[in-house]
Amino acid sequence: MLPGIFLSGFGALLSVWGYVRIKHDFKDNKEINNFFSLLLTGQASGIGQLLSGILAIVVGIVVMFMNK
């Protein structure tokens, strides 16, 4: 139960951090291809953090249900 709660909390933290990072990156540069340039140049840390956070939340929920 505790690992599932820890994973869900860590996933929530990563998701919020990724969301803030994406908002900050898109606010600074209003270029139309900003999303693609972030993905292609490897500066997509906010997108990776957001997706990793969502995945950690899902894995945490699965771990909580598997331990019952």
PDB file of N, CA and C in Angstrom:
ATOM      1  N   MET A   1       0.828  -1.199   0.000  1.00  0.00           N
ATOM      2  CA  MET A   1       0.000   0.000   0.000  1.00  0.00           C
ATOM      3  C   MET A   1       0.865   1.252   0.000  1.00  0.00           C
ATOM      4  N   LEU A   2       1.910   1.265   0.822  1.00  0.00           N
ATOM      5  CA  LEU A   2       2.775   2.433   0.919  1.00  0.00           C
ATOM      6  C   LEU A   2       3.519   2.728  -0.384  1.00  0.00           C
ATOM      7  N   PRO A   3       4.043   1.710  -1.095  1.00  0.00           N
ATOM      8  CA  PRO A   3       4.701   2.023  -2.377  1.00  0.00           C
ATOM      9  C   PRO A   3       3.742   2.628  -3.398  1.00  0.00           C
ATOM     10  N   GLY A   4       2.507   2.179  -3.389  1.00  0.00           N
ATOM     11  CA  GLY A   4       1.520   2.736  -4.319  1.00  0.00           C
ATOM     12  C   GLY A   4       1.219   4.193  -4.022  1.00  0.00           C
ATOM     13  N   ILE A   5       1.105   4.511  -2.749  1.00  0.00           N
ATOM     14  CA  ILE A   5       0.855   5.904  -2.354  1.00  0.00           C
ATOM     15  C   ILE A   5       2.066   6.770  -2.697  1.00  0.00           C
ATOM     16  N   PHE A   6       3.267   6.236  -2.439  1.00  0.00           N
ATOM     17  CA  PHE A   6       4.488   6.976  -2.755  1.00  0.00           C
ATOM     18  C   PHE A   6       4.594   7.227  -4.257  1.00  0.00           C
ATOM     19  N   LEU A   7       4.329   6.199  -5.069  1.00  0.00           N
ATOM     20  CA  LEU A   7       4.393   6.358  -6.525  1.00  0.00           C
ATOM     21  C   LEU A   7       3.356   7.355  -7.031  1.00  0.00           C
ATOM     22  N   SER A   8       2.164   7.305  -6.487  1.00  0.00           N
ATOM     23  CA  SER A   8       1.122   8.246  -6.909  1.00  0.00           C
ATOM     24  C   SER A   8       1.488   9.677  -6.531  1.00  0.00           C
ATOM     25  N   GLY A   9       2.024   9.871  -5.336  1.00  0.00           N
ATOM     26  CA  GLY A   9       2.449  11.202  -4.919  1.00  0.00           C
ATOM     27  C   GLY A   9       3.602  11.725  -5.755  1.00  0.00           C
ATOM     28  N   PHE A  10       4.577  10.860  -6.035  1.00  0.00           N
ATOM     29  CA  PHE A  10       5.707  11.247  -6.876  1.00  0.00           C
ATOM     30  C   PHE A  10       5.241  11.550  -8.294  1.00  0.00           C
ATOM     31  N   GLY A  11       4.277  10.778  -8.791  1.00  0.00           N
ATOM     32  CA  GLY A  11       3.719  11.028 -10.120  1.00  0.00           C
ATOM     33  C   GLY A  11       2.987  12.356 -10.181  1.00  0.00           C
ATOM     34  N   ALA A  12       2.261  12.677  -9.120  1.00  0.00           N
ATOM     35  CA  ALA A  12       1.569  13.966  -9.082  1.00  0.00           C
ATOM     36  C   ALA A  12       2.573  15.115  -9.075  1.00  0.00           C
ATOM     37  N   LEU A  13       3.647  14.944  -8.309  1.00  0.00           N
ATOM     38  CA  LEU A  13       4.692  15.967  -8.277  1.00  0.00           C
ATOM     39  C   LEU A  13       5.332  16.147  -9.654  1.00  0.00           C
ATOM     40  N   LEU A  14       5.667  15.050 -10.323  1.00  0.00           N
ATOM     41  CA  LEU A  14       6.246  15.131 -11.662  1.00  0.00           C
ATOM     42  C   LEU A  14       5.282  15.762 -12.662  1.00  0.00           C
ATOM     43  N   SER A  15       4.002  15.416 -12.558  1.00  0.00           N
ATOM     44  CA  SER A  15       3.017  15.969 -13.485  1.00  0.00           C
ATOM     45  C   SER A  15       2.890  17.473 -13.323  1.00  0.00           C
ATOM     46  N   VAL A  16       2.821  17.945 -12.093  1.00  0.00           N
ATOM     47  CA  VAL A  16       2.709  19.385 -11.854  1.00  0.00           C
ATOM     48  C   VAL A  16       3.972  20.103 -12.310  1.00  0.00           C
ATOM     49  N   TRP A  17       5.128  19.517 -12.024  1.00  0.00           N
ATOM     50  CA  TRP A  17       6.394  20.119 -12.427  1.00  0.00           C
ATOM     51  C   TRP A  17       6.502  20.179 -13.955  1.00  0.00           C
ATOM     52  N   GLY A  18       6.095  19.116 -14.626  1.00  0.00           N
ATOM     53  CA  GLY A  18       6.115  19.105 -16.087  1.00  0.00           C
ATOM     54  C   GLY A  18       5.160  20.112 -16.682  1.00  0.00           C
ATOM     55  N   TYR A  19       3.975  20.241 -16.081  1.00  0.00           N
ATOM     56  CA  TYR A  19       2.990  21.217 -16.568  1.00  0.00           C
ATOM     57  C   TYR A  19       3.525  22.646 -16.440  1.00  0.00           C
ATOM     58  N   VAL A  20       4.119  22.951 -15.296  1.00  0.00           N
ATOM     59  CA  VAL A  20       4.687  24.289 -15.089  1.00  0.00           C
ATOM     60  C   VAL A  20       5.834  24.526 -16.062  1.00  0.00           C
ATOM     61  N   ARG A  21       6.654  23.514 -16.270  1.00  0.00           N
ATOM     62  CA  ARG A  21       7.788  23.628 -17.188  1.00  0.00           C
ATOM     63  C   ARG A  21       7.322  23.880 -18.623  1.00  0.00           C
ATOM     64  N   ILE A  22       6.271  23.177 -19.049  1.00  0.00           N
ATOM     65  CA  ILE A  22       5.727  23.373 -20.395  1.00  0.00           C
ATOM     66  C   ILE A  22       5.162  24.779 -20.527  1.00  0.00           C
ATOM     67  N   LYS A  23       4.410  25.219 -19.533  1.00  0.00           N
ATOM     68  CA  LYS A  23       3.844  26.577 -19.571  1.00  0.00           C
ATOM     69  C   LYS A  23       4.945  27.628 -19.643  1.00  0.00           C
ATOM     70  N   HIS A  24       6.029  27.426 -18.909  1.00  0.00           N
ATOM     71  CA  HIS A  24       7.138  28.374 -18.914  1.00  0.00           C
ATOM     72  C   HIS A  24       7.839  28.391 -20.279  1.00  0.00           C
ATOM     73  N   ASP A  25       8.060  27.212 -20.857  1.00  0.00           N
ATOM     74  CA  ASP A  25       8.742  27.138 -22.153  1.00  0.00           C
ATOM     75  C   ASP A  25       7.911  27.749 -23.268  1.00  0.00           C
ATOM     76  N   PHE A  26       6.605  27.512 -23.257  1.00  0.00           N
ATOM     77  CA  PHE A  26       5.759  28.054 -24.311  1.00  0.00           C
ATOM     78  C   PHE A  26       5.502  29.541 -24.124  1.00  0.00           C
ATOM     79  N   LYS A  27       5.584  30.036 -22.902  1.00  0.00           N
ATOM     80  CA  LYS A  27       5.367  31.463 -22.647  1.00  0.00           C
ATOM     81  C   LYS A  27       6.535  32.291 -23.167  1.00  0.00           C
ATOM     82  N   ASP A  28       7.742  31.768 -23.041  1.00  0.00           N
ATOM     83  CA  ASP A  28       8.924  32.511 -23.468  1.00  0.00           C
ATOM     84  C   ASP A  28       9.028  32.636 -24.980  1.00  0.00           C
ATOM     85  N   ASN A  29       8.614  31.617 -25.707  1.00  0.00           N
ATOM     86  CA  ASN A  29       8.800  31.597 -27.147  1.00  0.00           C
ATOM     87  C   ASN A  29       7.453  31.322 -27.812  1.00  0.00           C
ATOM     88  N   LYS A  30       6.923  32.275 -28.554  1.00  0.00           N
ATOM     89  CA  LYS A  30       5.601  32.147 -29.161  1.00  0.00           C
ATOM     90  C   LYS A  30       5.663  31.599 -30.590  1.00  0.00           C
ATOM     91  N   GLU A  31       6.730  30.934 -30.937  1.00  0.00           N
ATOM     92  CA  GLU A  31       6.927  30.376 -32.271  1.00  0.00           C
ATOM     93  C   GLU A  31       5.882  29.295 -32.552  1.00  0.00           C
ATOM     94  N   ILE A  32       5.392  29.212 -33.799  1.00  0.00           N
ATOM     95  CA  ILE A  32       4.367  28.231 -34.149  1.00  0.00           C
ATOM     96  C   ILE A  32       4.890  26.808 -34.000  1.00  0.00           C
ATOM     97  N   ASN A  33       6.101  26.564 -34.394  1.00  0.00           N
ATOM     98  CA  ASN A  33       6.665  25.217 -34.328  1.00  0.00           C
ATOM     99  C   ASN A  33       7.381  24.956 -33.014  1.00  0.00           C
ATOM    100  N   ASN A  34       6.990  25.642 -31.969  1.00  0.00           N
ATOM    101  CA  ASN A  34       7.665  25.516 -30.686  1.00  0.00           C
ATOM    102  C   ASN A  34       7.586  24.083 -30.153  1.00  0.00           C
ATOM    103  N   PHE A  35       6.436  23.470 -30.262  1.00  0.00           N
ATOM    104  CA  PHE A  35       6.254  22.108 -29.762  1.00  0.00           C
ATOM    105  C   PHE A  35       7.190  21.144 -30.483  1.00  0.00           C
ATOM    106  N   PHE A  36       7.246  21.259 -31.810  1.00  0.00           N
ATOM    107  CA  PHE A  36       8.098  20.357 -32.585  1.00  0.00           C
ATOM    108  C   PHE A  36       9.577  20.652 -32.348  1.00  0.00           C
ATOM    109  N   SER A  37       9.930  21.904 -32.178  1.00  0.00           N
ATOM    110  CA  SER A  37      11.334  22.219 -31.908  1.00  0.00           C
ATOM    111  C   SER A  37      11.746  21.697 -30.537  1.00  0.00           C
ATOM    112  N   LEU A  38      10.823  21.733 -29.570  1.00  0.00           N
ATOM    113  CA  LEU A  38      11.137  21.166 -28.259  1.00  0.00           C
ATOM    114  C   LEU A  38      11.367  19.661 -28.359  1.00  0.00           C
ATOM    115  N   LEU A  39      10.512  18.987 -29.115  1.00  0.00           N
ATOM    116  CA  LEU A  39      10.661  17.544 -29.241  1.00  0.00           C
ATOM    117  C   LEU A  39      11.916  17.160 -30.023  1.00  0.00           C
ATOM    118  N   LEU A  40      12.199  17.875 -31.120  1.00  0.00           N
ATOM    119  CA  LEU A  40      13.305  17.495 -31.989  1.00  0.00           C
ATOM    120  C   LEU A  40      14.669  17.889 -31.430  1.00  0.00           C
ATOM    121  N   THR A  41      14.754  18.965 -30.664  1.00  0.00           N
ATOM    122  CA  THR A  41      16.048  19.394 -30.146  1.00  0.00           C
ATOM    123  C   THR A  41      16.371  18.773 -28.798  1.00  0.00           C
ATOM    124  N   GLY A  42      15.458  18.013 -28.236  1.00  0.00           N
ATOM    125  CA  GLY A  42      15.726  17.345 -26.972  1.00  0.00           C
ATOM    126  C   GLY A  42      15.493  18.219 -25.764  1.00  0.00           C
ATOM    127  N   GLN A  43      14.859  19.352 -25.925  1.00  0.00           N
ATOM    128  CA  GLN A  43      14.584  20.236 -24.808  1.00  0.00           C
ATOM    129  C   GLN A  43      13.171  20.024 -24.282  1.00  0.00           C
ATOM    130  N   ALA A  44      12.669  18.839 -24.446  1.00  0.00           N
ATOM    131  CA  ALA A  44      11.289  18.547 -24.062  1.00  0.00           C
ATOM    132  C   ALA A  44      11.220  17.988 -22.648  1.00  0.00           C
ATOM    133  N   SER A  45      11.974  18.561 -21.738  1.00  0.00           N
ATOM    134  CA  SER A  45      12.014  18.025 -20.383  1.00  0.00           C
ATOM    135  C   SER A  45      10.657  18.133 -19.703  1.00  0.00           C
ATOM    136  N   GLY A  46       9.922  19.199 -19.966  1.00  0.00           N
ATOM    137  CA  GLY A  46       8.610  19.349 -19.356  1.00  0.00           C
ATOM    138  C   GLY A  46       7.625  18.310 -19.857  1.00  0.00           C
ATOM    139  N   ILE A  47       7.690  18.010 -21.142  1.00  0.00           N
ATOM    140  CA  ILE A  47       6.798  17.005 -21.717  1.00  0.00           C
ATOM    141  C   ILE A  47       7.135  15.633 -21.150  1.00  0.00           C
ATOM    142  N   GLY A  48       8.417  15.337 -21.036  1.00  0.00           N
ATOM    143  CA  GLY A  48       8.833  14.057 -20.470  1.00  0.00           C
ATOM    144  C   GLY A  48       8.444  13.915 -19.009  1.00  0.00           C
ATOM    145  N   GLN A  49       8.576  14.991 -18.257  1.00  0.00           N
ATOM    146  CA  GLN A  49       8.189  14.957 -16.841  1.00  0.00           C
ATOM    147  C   GLN A  49       6.691  14.766 -16.698  1.00  0.00           C
ATOM    148  N   LEU A  50       5.917  15.433 -17.536  1.00  0.00           N
ATOM    149  CA  LEU A  50       4.466  15.295 -17.469  1.00  0.00           C
ATOM    150  C   LEU A  50       4.049  13.860 -17.778  1.00  0.00           C
ATOM    151  N   LEU A  51       4.595  13.290 -18.854  1.00  0.00           N
ATOM    152  CA  LEU A  51       4.242  11.915 -19.215  1.00  0.00           C
ATOM    153  C   LEU A  51       4.748  10.913 -18.186  1.00  0.00           C
ATOM    154  N   SER A  52       5.917  11.137 -17.645  1.00  0.00           N
ATOM    155  CA  SER A  52       6.441  10.250 -16.604  1.00  0.00           C
ATOM    156  C   SER A  52       5.590  10.319 -15.345  1.00  0.00           C
ATOM    157  N   GLY A  53       5.120  11.514 -15.021  1.00  0.00           N
ATOM    158  CA  GLY A  53       4.254  11.665 -13.858  1.00  0.00           C
ATOM    159  C   GLY A  53       2.938  10.935 -14.015  1.00  0.00           C
ATOM    160  N   ILE A  54       2.360  11.045 -15.201  1.00  0.00           N
ATOM    161  CA  ILE A  54       1.100  10.338 -15.462  1.00  0.00           C
ATOM    162  C   ILE A  54       1.315   8.831 -15.381  1.00  0.00           C
ATOM    163  N   LEU A  55       2.421   8.358 -15.948  1.00  0.00           N
ATOM    164  CA  LEU A  55       2.725   6.931 -15.899  1.00  0.00           C
ATOM    165  C   LEU A  55       2.963   6.467 -14.465  1.00  0.00           C
ATOM    166  N   ALA A  56       3.642   7.264 -13.656  1.00  0.00           N
ATOM    167  CA  ALA A  56       3.891   6.899 -12.261  1.00  0.00           C
ATOM    168  C   ALA A  56       2.585   6.842 -11.464  1.00  0.00           C
ATOM    169  N   ILE A  57       1.653   7.740 -11.753  1.00  0.00           N
ATOM    170  CA  ILE A  57       0.349   7.704 -11.079  1.00  0.00           C
ATOM    171  C   ILE A  57      -0.394   6.421 -11.432  1.00  0.00           C
ATOM    172  N   VAL A  58      -0.388   6.065 -12.711  1.00  0.00           N
ATOM    173  CA  VAL A  58      -1.073   4.843 -13.148  1.00  0.00           C
ATOM    174  C   VAL A  58      -0.437   3.612 -12.505  1.00  0.00           C
ATOM    175  N   VAL A  59       0.888   3.549 -12.497  1.00  0.00           N
ATOM    176  CA  VAL A  59       1.569   2.404 -11.884  1.00  0.00           C
ATOM    177  C   VAL A  59       1.293   2.360 -10.380  1.00  0.00           C
ATOM    178  N   GLY A  60       1.267   3.516  -9.721  1.00  0.00           N
ATOM    179  CA  GLY A  60       0.948   3.564  -8.290  1.00  0.00           C
ATOM    180  C   GLY A  60      -0.447   3.041  -7.991  1.00  0.00           C
ATOM    181  N   ILE A  61      -1.412   3.393  -8.835  1.00  0.00           N
ATOM    182  CA  ILE A  61      -2.785   2.908  -8.641  1.00  0.00           C
ATOM    183  C   ILE A  61      -2.852   1.402  -8.864  1.00  0.00           C
ATOM    184  N   VAL A  62      -2.144   0.912  -9.877  1.00  0.00           N
ATOM    185  CA  VAL A  62      -2.127  -0.532 -10.133  1.00  0.00           C
ATOM    186  C   VAL A  62      -1.488  -1.264  -8.958  1.00  0.00           C
ATOM    187  N   VAL A  63      -0.401  -0.718  -8.402  1.00  0.00           N
ATOM    188  CA  VAL A  63       0.249  -1.360  -7.263  1.00  0.00           C
ATOM    189  C   VAL A  63      -0.683  -1.387  -6.053  1.00  0.00           C
ATOM    190  N   MET A  64      -1.425  -0.311  -5.840  1.00  0.00           N
ATOM    191  CA  MET A  64      -2.362  -0.299  -4.698  1.00  0.00           C
ATOM    192  C   MET A  64      -3.443  -1.356  -4.852  1.00  0.00           C
ATOM    193  N   PHE A  65      -3.962  -1.544  -6.070  1.00  0.00           N
ATOM    194  CA  PHE A  65      -5.015  -2.528  -6.266  1.00  0.00           C
ATOM    195  C   PHE A  65      -4.479  -3.957  -6.278  1.00  0.00           C
ATOM    196  N   MET A  66      -3.222  -4.141  -6.680  1.00  0.00           N
ATOM    197  CA  MET A  66      -2.651  -5.486  -6.702  1.00  0.00           C
ATOM    198  C   MET A  66      -2.303  -5.976  -5.294  1.00  0.00           C
ATOM    199  N   ASN A  67      -2.080  -5.072  -4.350  1.00  0.00           N
ATOM    200  CA  ASN A  67      -1.720  -5.453  -2.989  1.00  0.00           C
ATOM    201  C   ASN A  67      -2.915  -5.830  -2.135  1.00  0.00           C
ATOM    202  N   LYS A  68      -4.120  -5.593  -2.614  1.00  0.00           N
ATOM    203  CA  LYS A  68      -5.310  -5.893  -1.797  1.00  0.00           C
ATOM    204  C   LYS A  68      -5.568  -7.377  -1.728  1.00  0.00           C
TER     205      LYS A  68
END
